[in-house]
């Protein structure tokens, strides 16, 4: 069976921001071209990359108490929304489809 390369978009939407307000959505690319998602160690690397991307996207740079409280909630919501999609990417890899890139985005 021939391996195919696909691009999967992982949409990490934060429920606190209305959809109508989403005009400029921050996006981060998470490369998987060097990962074999059929291996546990590479699935852990993917998880680490997704967490890092979610932290980058949810970080505002503000130091207020309200912002410090909002950031962990943003990260948790983004990762919860991404989990089913990441599982599908892993399932695709196990069926012979190699993903090259995951696009992670969150509304800020």
Protein backbone atom coordinates (compact mmCIF):
# COMPACT_ATOMS: atom_id res chain seq x y z
CA UNK A 1 0.00 0.00 0.00
CA UNK A 2 1.36 3.40 -0.94
CA UNK A 3 1.79 5.92 1.90
CA UNK A 4 -0.04 9.17 1.34
CA UNK A 5 0.82 12.52 2.89
CA UNK A 6 -2.07 14.63 4.15
CA UNK A 7 -2.48 17.95 5.89
CA UNK A 8 -4.79 17.88 8.89
CA UNK A 9 -6.15 21.08 10.40
CA UNK A 10 -6.64 20.96 14.12
CA UNK A 11 -8.96 23.73 15.14
CA UNK A 12 -8.43 24.67 18.75
CA UNK A 13 -11.30 27.03 19.44
CA UNK A 14 -11.77 28.67 22.78
CA UNK A 15 -15.43 28.76 23.81
CA UNK A 16 -15.02 32.09 25.62
CA UNK A 17 -14.66 34.00 22.33
CA UNK A 18 -17.77 34.26 20.14
CA UNK A 19 -17.40 32.94 16.61
CA UNK A 20 -18.35 36.31 15.14
CA UNK A 21 -15.37 37.92 16.89
CA UNK A 22 -12.90 35.56 15.23
CA UNK A 23 -11.45 37.70 12.49
CA UNK A 24 -7.71 37.15 12.94
CA UNK A 25 -7.16 33.64 14.28
CA UNK A 26 -3.63 32.87 15.52
CA UNK A 27 -2.29 29.68 13.92
CA UNK A 28 0.74 27.49 14.53
CA UNK A 29 2.03 24.70 12.31
CA UNK A 30 3.00 21.45 14.03
CA UNK A 31 5.22 19.32 11.85
CA UNK A 32 4.77 15.56 11.94
CA UNK A 33 6.86 14.74 8.88
CA UNK A 34 9.63 13.37 11.10
CA UNK A 35 7.25 11.31 13.28
CA UNK A 36 5.98 7.77 12.90
CA UNK A 37 2.65 8.02 14.70
CA UNK A 38 2.43 4.25 14.96
CA UNK A 39 5.20 4.42 17.60
CA UNK A 40 4.41 5.41 21.21
CA UNK A 41 7.50 7.61 21.52
CA UNK A 42 6.50 9.63 18.44
CA UNK A 43 2.90 9.95 19.66
CA UNK A 44 4.34 11.44 22.87
CA UNK A 45 6.40 13.86 20.77
CA UNK A 46 3.23 14.89 18.92
CA UNK A 47 1.48 15.47 22.25
CA UNK A 48 4.39 17.64 23.42
CA UNK A 49 4.32 19.64 20.18
CA UNK A 50 0.56 20.20 20.42
CA UNK A 51 0.87 21.37 24.04
CA UNK A 52 3.67 23.73 23.08
CA UNK A 53 1.62 25.15 20.19
CA UNK A 54 -1.42 25.63 22.44
CA UNK A 55 0.71 27.44 25.05
CA UNK A 56 2.20 29.71 22.37
CA UNK A 57 -1.21 30.54 20.94
CA UNK A 58 -2.82 31.18 24.33
CA UNK A 59 0.02 33.31 25.70
CA UNK A 60 -0.89 36.97 25.50
CA UNK A 61 2.19 38.45 27.13
CA UNK A 62 0.05 40.38 29.61
CA UNK A 63 0.89 40.00 33.27
CA UNK A 64 -2.49 40.79 34.85
CA UNK A 65 -4.15 38.46 37.34
CA UNK A 66 -7.11 37.98 35.00
CA UNK A 67 -4.82 37.06 32.10
CA UNK A 68 -2.79 34.68 34.27
CA UNK A 69 -6.05 32.91 35.17
CA UNK A 70 -7.34 32.87 31.57
CA UNK A 71 -4.23 31.37 29.97
CA UNK A 72 -4.42 27.89 31.59
CA UNK A 73 -8.13 27.69 30.78
CA UNK A 74 -7.39 28.58 27.16
CA UNK A 75 -4.70 25.89 26.93
CA UNK A 76 -6.93 23.26 28.54
CA UNK A 77 -9.84 24.07 26.23
CA UNK A 78 -7.61 24.05 23.15
CA UNK A 79 -6.12 20.66 24.02
CA UNK A 80 -9.53 19.18 24.87
CA UNK A 81 -10.85 20.27 21.48
CA UNK A 82 -7.75 18.92 19.69
CA UNK A 83 -7.74 15.49 21.37
CA UNK A 84 -10.32 13.78 19.07
CA UNK A 85 -8.65 15.19 15.97
CA UNK A 86 -5.18 14.08 17.11
CA UNK A 87 -6.59 10.61 17.77
CA UNK A 88 -7.90 10.52 14.19
CA UNK A 89 -4.44 11.50 12.92
CA UNK A 90 -2.92 8.63 14.88
CA UNK A 91 -5.56 6.22 13.56
CA UNK A 92 -4.81 7.34 10.00
CA UNK A 93 -1.09 6.71 10.56
CA UNK A 94 -1.87 3.23 11.82
CA UNK A 95 -3.80 2.57 8.62
CA UNK A 96 -0.86 3.64 6.45
CA UNK A 97 -1.49 7.35 5.91
CA UNK A 98 1.39 9.60 6.97
CA UNK A 99 0.52 13.14 8.04
CA UNK A 100 3.07 15.84 7.27
CA UNK A 101 1.63 18.85 9.06
CA UNK A 102 -0.98 19.72 11.67
CA UNK A 103 -2.33 23.25 11.75
CA UNK A 104 -3.23 24.32 15.28
CA UNK A 105 -5.31 27.39 15.83
CA UNK A 106 -7.17 29.09 18.62
CA UNK A 107 -9.37 32.16 18.86
CA UNK A 108 -7.94 34.80 21.20
